[in-house]
Amino acid sequence: MEASKAPRIGRPPRVTTDQIAEAALEIGLDQATVRSVAEHLGMSVPGLRYYVRTREELLAMAAAHGLGELPLPPDDGQPWAEWLVAYSRFVHDALVAQPELVGQILAGTVNTLRMTQHLERFFAVLVARGFTVDEAYDAYRWTTAATVGAAANTIGQRATIKAGHPLQKDLTLAVKALGPDSVPLVDELIRRSALTEPDPFDTVTLVIDALAARRLADNPSR
C-alpha cells in the first residue's frame, strides 16, 4: 500500500490572493481560519500570514472575491424584469449559503476591480434592453439593496426557527406576558389567523415590479 503523501510545507509557488480567497470559500466562511486555509493550500501558517494576518482580513478578502465573481444568469433574450429576478435570486441564494458575506457587505468590503467588471456585465444586459447606463445603475442599486436585506431576513428566519422561536409562538407568548388588553390589535391578529413567515424575497420582486411600473409611466411605449 502506497504511503500517503505528507502535506507540503512552505508557501506554494506563485500563490495569489485569489487562490487564498477561493480556498476560504471552498472551506466555507463559517469555518475558514488562517490555519484551515493554510492547510487547504498546503502551506505553513506563517507563510499564509505573509498575505493575510487575521481571520477578519481573510473573510474580507474572500467576501470581496466571492461577490465580484458572482456569475450573471443566462441572457436568453427574456424580458429585463424576468432576468433581473433571476439575477437577484442567484445573489440572494449565494448570500444565504454564506451568511458571513452579508456581514462583509455591511462592513463595506468591496473589491473595486472585480465589482467594476461585474457592473459592466450587468449594465450590458440592461442597456441591450433599452436602459441608459444611469437607469441600469439605479436598477442595480435598488435590487441589490432589496436582495441583501432579503438575504439577511432569510438567514434570520432560519436561525429563529432552528432555535425554536417561530413568529407565532413568540408573539403568542409576548401577548400573554403583556396582557391581551395592552396589545389588543396584535392579540386579534394572532386569534384570527395562523401566522406564517413571509418570504423575504417578495421584497425583491416588489422592487422590480416598482421599477417596471416607473419605466412604463415614464415612457409608455417601452
C-alpha atoms as a PDB file:
ATOM      1  CA  MET A   1       0.000   0.000   0.000  1.00  0.00           C
ATOM      2  CA  GLU A   2       1.451   3.346  -1.004  1.00  0.00           C
ATOM      3  CA  ALA A   3       2.153   5.684   1.883  1.00  0.00           C
ATOM      4  CA  SER A   4       0.088   8.838   1.919  1.00  0.00           C
ATOM      5  CA  LYS A   5       1.898  11.930   0.834  1.00  0.00           C
ATOM      6  CA  ALA A   6       2.979  14.325   3.526  1.00  0.00           C
ATOM      7  CA  PRO A   7       1.395  17.768   3.259  1.00  0.00           C
ATOM      8  CA  ARG A   8       3.503  20.393   1.570  1.00  0.00           C
ATOM      9  CA  ILE A   9       5.202  22.827   3.893  1.00  0.00           C
ATOM     10  CA  GLY A  10       6.018  26.398   2.998  1.00  0.00           C
ATOM     11  CA  ARG A  11       4.486  28.848   0.573  1.00  0.00           C
ATOM     12  CA  PRO A  12       3.382  27.268  -2.698  1.00  0.00           C
ATOM     13  CA  PRO A  13       4.849  28.903  -5.791  1.00  0.00           C
ATOM     14  CA  ARG A  14       3.011  31.937  -7.149  1.00  0.00           C
ATOM     15  CA  VAL A  15       0.203  31.828  -4.587  1.00  0.00           C
ATOM     16  CA  THR A  16      -2.234  34.656  -5.184  1.00  0.00           C
ATOM     17  CA  THR A  17      -4.874  36.421  -3.138  1.00  0.00           C
ATOM     18  CA  ASP A  18      -7.465  34.874  -5.463  1.00  0.00           C
ATOM     19  CA  GLN A  19      -6.234  31.381  -4.531  1.00  0.00           C
ATOM     20  CA  ILE A  20      -6.444  32.268  -0.840  1.00  0.00           C
ATOM     21  CA  ALA A  21      -9.941  33.690  -1.216  1.00  0.00           C
ATOM     22  CA  GLU A  22     -11.131  30.688  -3.227  1.00  0.00           C
ATOM     23  CA  ALA A  23      -9.713  28.315  -0.603  1.00  0.00           C
ATOM     24  CA  ALA A  24     -11.658  30.134   2.136  1.00  0.00           C
ATOM     25  CA  LEU A  25     -14.867  29.949   0.087  1.00  0.00           C
ATOM     26  CA  GLU A  26     -14.327  26.246  -0.602  1.00  0.00           C
ATOM     27  CA  ILE A  27     -13.930  25.581   3.121  1.00  0.00           C
ATOM     28  CA  GLY A  28     -16.909  27.784   3.982  1.00  0.00           C
ATOM     29  CA  LEU A  29     -16.604  31.192   5.587  1.00  0.00           C
ATOM     30  CA  ASP A  30     -18.165  29.968   8.811  1.00  0.00           C
ATOM     31  CA  GLN A  31     -15.266  27.541   9.267  1.00  0.00           C
ATOM     32  CA  ALA A  32     -12.437  29.285   7.440  1.00  0.00           C
ATOM     33  CA  THR A  33      -9.456  30.306   9.569  1.00  0.00           C
ATOM     34  CA  VAL A  34      -5.905  31.246   8.723  1.00  0.00           C
ATOM     35  CA  ARG A  35      -4.838  27.762   9.802  1.00  0.00           C
ATOM     36  CA  SER A  36      -7.525  25.868   7.870  1.00  0.00           C
ATOM     37  CA  VAL A  37      -6.832  27.845   4.699  1.00  0.00           C
ATOM     38  CA  ALA A  38      -3.088  27.299   5.074  1.00  0.00           C
ATOM     39  CA  GLU A  39      -3.667  23.550   5.393  1.00  0.00           C
ATOM     40  CA  HIS A  40      -6.045  23.611   2.418  1.00  0.00           C
ATOM     41  CA  LEU A  41      -3.348  25.268   0.303  1.00  0.00           C
ATOM     42  CA  GLY A  42      -0.590  23.019   1.653  1.00  0.00           C
ATOM     43  CA  MET A  43       1.394  25.860   3.175  1.00  0.00           C
ATOM     44  CA  SER A  44       2.505  26.896   6.628  1.00  0.00           C
ATOM     45  CA  VAL A  45       0.521  29.303   8.798  1.00  0.00           C
ATOM     46  CA  PRO A  46       3.447  31.783   8.884  1.00  0.00           C
ATOM     47  CA  GLY A  47       3.584  31.518   5.086  1.00  0.00           C
ATOM     48  CA  LEU A  48      -0.089  32.441   4.750  1.00  0.00           C
ATOM     49  CA  ARG A  49       0.283  35.282   7.246  1.00  0.00           C
ATOM     50  CA  TYR A  50       2.642  36.862   4.748  1.00  0.00           C
ATOM     51  CA  TYR A  51      -0.546  37.602   2.739  1.00  0.00           C
ATOM     52  CA  VAL A  52      -3.284  37.824   5.370  1.00  0.00           C
ATOM     53  CA  ARG A  53      -2.696  38.426   9.070  1.00  0.00           C
ATOM     54  CA  THR A  54      -6.057  37.789  10.723  1.00  0.00           C
ATOM     55  CA  ARG A  55      -9.262  35.840  10.179  1.00  0.00           C
ATOM     56  CA  GLU A  56     -11.115  39.147   9.710  1.00  0.00           C
ATOM     57  CA  GLU A  57      -8.791  40.068   6.829  1.00  0.00           C
ATOM     58  CA  LEU A  58      -9.237  36.583   5.387  1.00  0.00           C
ATOM     59  CA  LEU A  59     -13.050  36.845   5.451  1.00  0.00           C
ATOM     60  CA  ALA A  60     -12.948  40.315   3.906  1.00  0.00           C
ATOM     61  CA  MET A  61     -10.692  39.052   1.112  1.00  0.00           C
ATOM     62  CA  ALA A  62     -12.929  36.044   0.457  1.00  0.00           C
ATOM     63  CA  ALA A  63     -16.111  38.137   0.529  1.00  0.00           C
ATOM     64  CA  ALA A  64     -14.772  40.679  -1.949  1.00  0.00           C
ATOM     65  CA  HIS A  65     -13.658  37.879  -4.240  1.00  0.00           C
ATOM     66  CA  GLY A  66     -16.895  35.924  -3.931  1.00  0.00           C
ATOM     67  CA  LEU A  67     -19.193  38.876  -4.589  1.00  0.00           C
ATOM     68  CA  GLY A  68     -17.151  40.078  -7.530  1.00  0.00           C
ATOM     69  CA  GLU A  69     -17.129  36.596  -9.053  1.00  0.00           C
ATOM     70  CA  LEU A  70     -20.887  36.017  -8.921  1.00  0.00           C
ATOM     71  CA  PRO A  71     -21.895  34.960 -12.423  1.00  0.00           C
ATOM     72  CA  LEU A  72     -24.847  36.533 -14.164  1.00  0.00           C
ATOM     73  CA  PRO A  73     -27.837  34.370 -15.073  1.00  0.00           C
ATOM     74  CA  PRO A  74     -28.073  33.361 -18.753  1.00  0.00           C
ATOM     75  CA  ASP A  75     -29.232  36.087 -21.111  1.00  0.00           C
ATOM     76  CA  ASP A  76     -31.708  34.264 -23.330  1.00  0.00           C
ATOM     77  CA  GLY A  77     -33.497  37.368 -24.541  1.00  0.00           C
ATOM     78  CA  GLN A  78     -36.100  37.187 -21.770  1.00  0.00           C
ATOM     79  CA  PRO A  79     -37.796  40.404 -20.535  1.00  0.00           C
ATOM     80  CA  TRP A  80     -35.483  42.512 -18.417  1.00  0.00           C
ATOM     81  CA  ALA A  81     -37.615  42.169 -15.279  1.00  0.00           C
ATOM     82  CA  GLU A  82     -37.540  38.376 -15.574  1.00  0.00           C
ATOM     83  CA  TRP A  83     -33.755  38.431 -15.970  1.00  0.00           C
ATOM     84  CA  LEU A  84     -33.408  40.784 -13.008  1.00  0.00           C
ATOM     85  CA  VAL A  85     -35.463  38.469 -10.783  1.00  0.00           C
ATOM     86  CA  ALA A  86     -33.199  35.568 -11.773  1.00  0.00           C
ATOM     87  CA  TYR A  87     -30.100  37.662 -11.032  1.00  0.00           C
ATOM     88  CA  SER A  88     -31.442  38.745  -7.638  1.00  0.00           C
ATOM     89  CA  ARG A  89     -32.440  35.192  -6.720  1.00  0.00           C
ATOM     90  CA  PHE A  90     -28.942  33.955  -7.519  1.00  0.00           C
ATOM     91  CA  VAL A  91     -27.337  36.651  -5.358  1.00  0.00           C
ATOM     92  CA  HIS A  92     -29.844  36.036  -2.555  1.00  0.00           C
ATOM     93  CA  ASP A  93     -29.146  32.293  -2.513  1.00  0.00           C
ATOM     94  CA  ALA A  94     -25.383  32.866  -2.568  1.00  0.00           C
ATOM     95  CA  LEU A  95     -25.618  35.182   0.444  1.00  0.00           C
ATOM     96  CA  VAL A  96     -27.866  32.783   2.357  1.00  0.00           C
ATOM     97  CA  ALA A  97     -25.432  29.945   1.677  1.00  0.00           C
ATOM     98  CA  GLN A  98     -22.567  32.046   3.062  1.00  0.00           C
ATOM     99  CA  PRO A  99     -24.104  34.311   5.761  1.00  0.00           C
ATOM    100  CA  GLU A 100     -20.725  35.855   6.564  1.00  0.00           C
ATOM    101  CA  LEU A 101     -20.853  37.578   3.170  1.00  0.00           C
ATOM    102  CA  VAL A 102     -23.742  39.733   4.407  1.00  0.00           C
ATOM    103  CA  GLY A 103     -21.605  40.945   7.292  1.00  0.00           C
ATOM    104  CA  GLN A 104     -18.777  41.780   4.943  1.00  0.00           C
ATOM    105  CA  ILE A 105     -21.133  43.759   2.696  1.00  0.00           C
ATOM    106  CA  LEU A 106     -22.356  45.743   5.693  1.00  0.00           C
ATOM    107  CA  ALA A 107     -18.723  46.364   6.624  1.00  0.00           C
ATOM    108  CA  GLY A 108     -18.166  47.932   3.197  1.00  0.00           C
ATOM    109  CA  THR A 109     -15.864  45.243   1.838  1.00  0.00           C
ATOM    110  CA  VAL A 110     -15.559  45.791  -1.899  1.00  0.00           C
ATOM    111  CA  ASN A 111     -13.018  44.707  -4.487  1.00  0.00           C
ATOM    112  CA  THR A 112     -13.308  47.671  -6.832  1.00  0.00           C
ATOM    113  CA  LEU A 113     -11.722  45.983  -9.847  1.00  0.00           C
ATOM    114  CA  ARG A 114     -13.956  42.926  -9.665  1.00  0.00           C
ATOM    115  CA  MET A 115     -17.054  44.986  -8.929  1.00  0.00           C
ATOM    116  CA  THR A 116     -16.342  47.210 -11.949  1.00  0.00           C
ATOM    117  CA  GLN A 117     -16.136  44.150 -14.191  1.00  0.00           C
ATOM    118  CA  HIS A 118     -19.321  42.757 -12.659  1.00  0.00           C
ATOM    119  CA  LEU A 119     -21.172  46.038 -13.199  1.00  0.00           C
ATOM    120  CA  GLU A 120     -20.023  46.155 -16.827  1.00  0.00           C
ATOM    121  CA  ARG A 121     -21.607  42.747 -17.482  1.00  0.00           C
ATOM    122  CA  PHE A 122     -24.761  43.724 -15.573  1.00  0.00           C
ATOM    123  CA  PHE A 123     -25.110  47.021 -17.436  1.00  0.00           C
ATOM    124  CA  ALA A 124     -24.628  45.321 -20.814  1.00  0.00           C
ATOM    125  CA  VAL A 125     -27.692  43.133 -20.274  1.00  0.00           C
ATOM    126  CA  LEU A 126     -29.976  46.037 -19.383  1.00  0.00           C
ATOM    127  CA  VAL A 127     -28.584  48.521 -21.921  1.00  0.00           C
ATOM    128  CA  ALA A 128     -29.312  45.928 -24.620  1.00  0.00           C
ATOM    129  CA  ARG A 129     -32.937  46.147 -23.457  1.00  0.00           C
ATOM    130  CA  GLY A 130     -33.210  49.913 -23.782  1.00  0.00           C
ATOM    131  CA  PHE A 131     -31.862  51.125 -20.425  1.00  0.00           C
ATOM    132  CA  THR A 132     -29.496  54.046 -20.181  1.00  0.00           C
ATOM    133  CA  VAL A 133     -26.400  53.478 -18.063  1.00  0.00           C
ATOM    134  CA  ASP A 134     -27.906  55.650 -15.313  1.00  0.00           C
ATOM    135  CA  GLU A 135     -31.121  53.621 -15.378  1.00  0.00           C
ATOM    136  CA  ALA A 136     -29.160  50.366 -15.271  1.00  0.00           C
ATOM    137  CA  TYR A 137     -27.204  51.603 -12.265  1.00  0.00           C
ATOM    138  CA  ASP A 138     -30.423  52.615 -10.492  1.00  0.00           C
ATOM    139  CA  ALA A 139     -31.816  49.125 -11.136  1.00  0.00           C
ATOM    140  CA  TYR A 140     -28.632  47.611  -9.740  1.00  0.00           C
ATOM    141  CA  ARG A 141     -28.685  49.787  -6.606  1.00  0.00           C
ATOM    142  CA  TRP A 142     -32.332  49.211  -5.764  1.00  0.00           C
ATOM    143  CA  THR A 143     -32.371  45.481  -6.428  1.00  0.00           C
ATOM    144  CA  THR A 144     -29.068  44.915  -4.638  1.00  0.00           C
ATOM    145  CA  ALA A 145     -30.292  46.755  -1.540  1.00  0.00           C
ATOM    146  CA  ALA A 146     -33.511  44.709  -1.539  1.00  0.00           C
ATOM    147  CA  THR A 147     -31.645  41.462  -2.177  1.00  0.00           C
ATOM    148  CA  VAL A 148     -29.147  41.952   0.650  1.00  0.00           C
ATOM    149  CA  GLY A 149     -31.999  42.817   3.011  1.00  0.00           C
ATOM    150  CA  ALA A 150     -33.994  39.781   1.888  1.00  0.00           C
ATOM    151  CA  ALA A 151     -30.982  37.515   2.396  1.00  0.00           C
ATOM    152  CA  ALA A 152     -30.416  38.887   5.902  1.00  0.00           C
ATOM    153  CA  ASN A 153     -34.086  38.283   6.735  1.00  0.00           C
ATOM    154  CA  THR A 154     -33.982  34.749   5.330  1.00  0.00           C
ATOM    155  CA  ILE A 155     -30.909  33.972   7.430  1.00  0.00           C
ATOM    156  CA  GLY A 156     -32.629  35.418  10.497  1.00  0.00           C
ATOM    157  CA  GLN A 157     -35.844  33.481   9.886  1.00  0.00           C
ATOM    158  CA  ARG A 158     -33.996  30.195   9.577  1.00  0.00           C
ATOM    159  CA  ALA A 159     -31.989  30.898  12.714  1.00  0.00           C
ATOM    160  CA  THR A 160     -35.078  31.687  14.810  1.00  0.00           C
ATOM    161  CA  ILE A 161     -36.941  28.618  13.585  1.00  0.00           C
ATOM    162  CA  LYS A 162     -33.904  26.430  14.252  1.00  0.00           C
ATOM    163  CA  ALA A 163     -33.710  27.898  17.752  1.00  0.00           C
ATOM    164  CA  GLY A 164     -37.380  27.044  18.344  1.00  0.00           C
ATOM    165  CA  HIS A 165     -38.728  30.598  18.123  1.00  0.00           C
ATOM    166  CA  PRO A 166     -41.198  30.765  15.212  1.00  0.00           C
ATOM    167  CA  LEU A 167     -43.021  34.081  14.896  1.00  0.00           C
ATOM    168  CA  GLN A 168     -46.496  32.967  16.023  1.00  0.00           C
ATOM    169  CA  LYS A 169     -45.159  31.155  19.070  1.00  0.00           C
ATOM    170  CA  ASP A 170     -43.111  34.132  20.224  1.00  0.00           C
ATOM    171  CA  LEU A 171     -45.912  36.643  19.604  1.00  0.00           C
ATOM    172  CA  THR A 172     -48.379  34.459  21.498  1.00  0.00           C
ATOM    173  CA  LEU A 173     -46.040  34.273  24.478  1.00  0.00           C
ATOM    174  CA  ALA A 174     -45.416  38.028  24.311  1.00  0.00           C
ATOM    175  CA  VAL A 175     -49.146  38.839  24.268  1.00  0.00           C
ATOM    176  CA  LYS A 176     -49.690  36.543  27.209  1.00  0.00           C
ATOM    177  CA  ALA A 177     -46.847  38.197  29.142  1.00  0.00           C
ATOM    178  CA  LEU A 178     -48.018  41.744  28.351  1.00  0.00           C
ATOM    179  CA  GLY A 179     -51.720  41.015  28.705  1.00  0.00           C
ATOM    180  CA  PRO A 180     -54.112  40.985  25.707  1.00  0.00           C
ATOM    181  CA  ASP A 181     -55.687  44.268  26.800  1.00  0.00           C
ATOM    182  CA  SER A 182     -52.363  46.095  26.417  1.00  0.00           C
ATOM    183  CA  VAL A 183     -51.835  44.915  22.814  1.00  0.00           C
ATOM    184  CA  PRO A 184     -55.391  44.202  21.582  1.00  0.00           C
ATOM    185  CA  LEU A 185     -54.595  44.534  17.869  1.00  0.00           C
ATOM    186  CA  VAL A 186     -51.732  42.046  17.987  1.00  0.00           C
ATOM    187  CA  ASP A 187     -53.913  39.732  20.045  1.00  0.00           C
ATOM    188  CA  GLU A 188     -56.637  39.981  17.399  1.00  0.00           C
ATOM    189  CA  LEU A 189     -54.148  39.143  14.673  1.00  0.00           C
ATOM    190  CA  ILE A 190     -52.984  36.032  16.489  1.00  0.00           C
ATOM    191  CA  ARG A 191     -56.528  34.867  17.260  1.00  0.00           C
ATOM    192  CA  ARG A 192     -57.830  35.481  13.732  1.00  0.00           C
ATOM    193  CA  SER A 193     -55.057  33.926  11.672  1.00  0.00           C
ATOM    194  CA  ALA A 194     -52.292  31.363  11.663  1.00  0.00           C
ATOM    195  CA  LEU A 195     -49.198  33.472  11.091  1.00  0.00           C
ATOM    196  CA  THR A 196     -46.758  32.246   8.501  1.00  0.00           C
ATOM    197  CA  GLU A 197     -43.276  33.542   7.953  1.00  0.00           C
ATOM    198  CA  PRO A 198     -43.314  35.733   4.813  1.00  0.00           C
ATOM    199  CA  ASP A 199     -40.879  35.019   2.028  1.00  0.00           C
ATOM    200  CA  PRO A 200     -38.282  37.801   2.332  1.00  0.00           C
ATOM    201  CA  PHE A 201     -37.570  37.558  -1.395  1.00  0.00           C
ATOM    202  CA  ASP A 202     -41.033  39.004  -2.052  1.00  0.00           C
ATOM    203  CA  THR A 203     -39.464  42.379  -1.224  1.00  0.00           C
ATOM    204  CA  VAL A 204     -37.146  41.998  -4.204  1.00  0.00           C
ATOM    205  CA  THR A 205     -39.969  41.211  -6.613  1.00  0.00           C
ATOM    206  CA  LEU A 206     -41.912  44.214  -5.295  1.00  0.00           C
ATOM    207  CA  VAL A 207     -38.919  46.466  -6.010  1.00  0.00           C
ATOM    208  CA  ILE A 208     -38.557  45.079  -9.528  1.00  0.00           C
ATOM    209  CA  ASP A 209     -42.308  45.496 -10.127  1.00  0.00           C
ATOM    210  CA  ALA A 210     -41.991  49.112  -8.965  1.00  0.00           C
ATOM    211  CA  LEU A 211     -39.066  49.687 -11.350  1.00  0.00           C
ATOM    212  CA  ALA A 212     -41.130  48.246 -14.204  1.00  0.00           C
ATOM    213  CA  ALA A 213     -44.117  50.448 -13.328  1.00  0.00           C
ATOM    214  CA  ARG A 214     -41.934  53.550 -13.185  1.00  0.00           C
ATOM    215  CA  ARG A 215     -40.346  52.801 -16.556  1.00  0.00           C
ATOM    216  CA  LEU A 216     -43.773  52.281 -18.083  1.00  0.00           C
ATOM    217  CA  ALA A 217     -45.063  55.533 -16.599  1.00  0.00           C
ATOM    218  CA  ASP A 218     -42.019  57.474 -17.830  1.00  0.00           C
ATOM    219  CA  ASN A 219     -42.285  56.037 -21.336  1.00  0.00           C
ATOM    220  CA  PRO A 220     -45.483  54.095 -22.155  1.00  0.00           C
ATOM    221  CA  SER A 221     -44.006  52.879 -25.446  1.00  0.00           C
ATOM    222  CA  ARG A 222     -41.408  50.749 -23.646  1.00  0.00           C
END
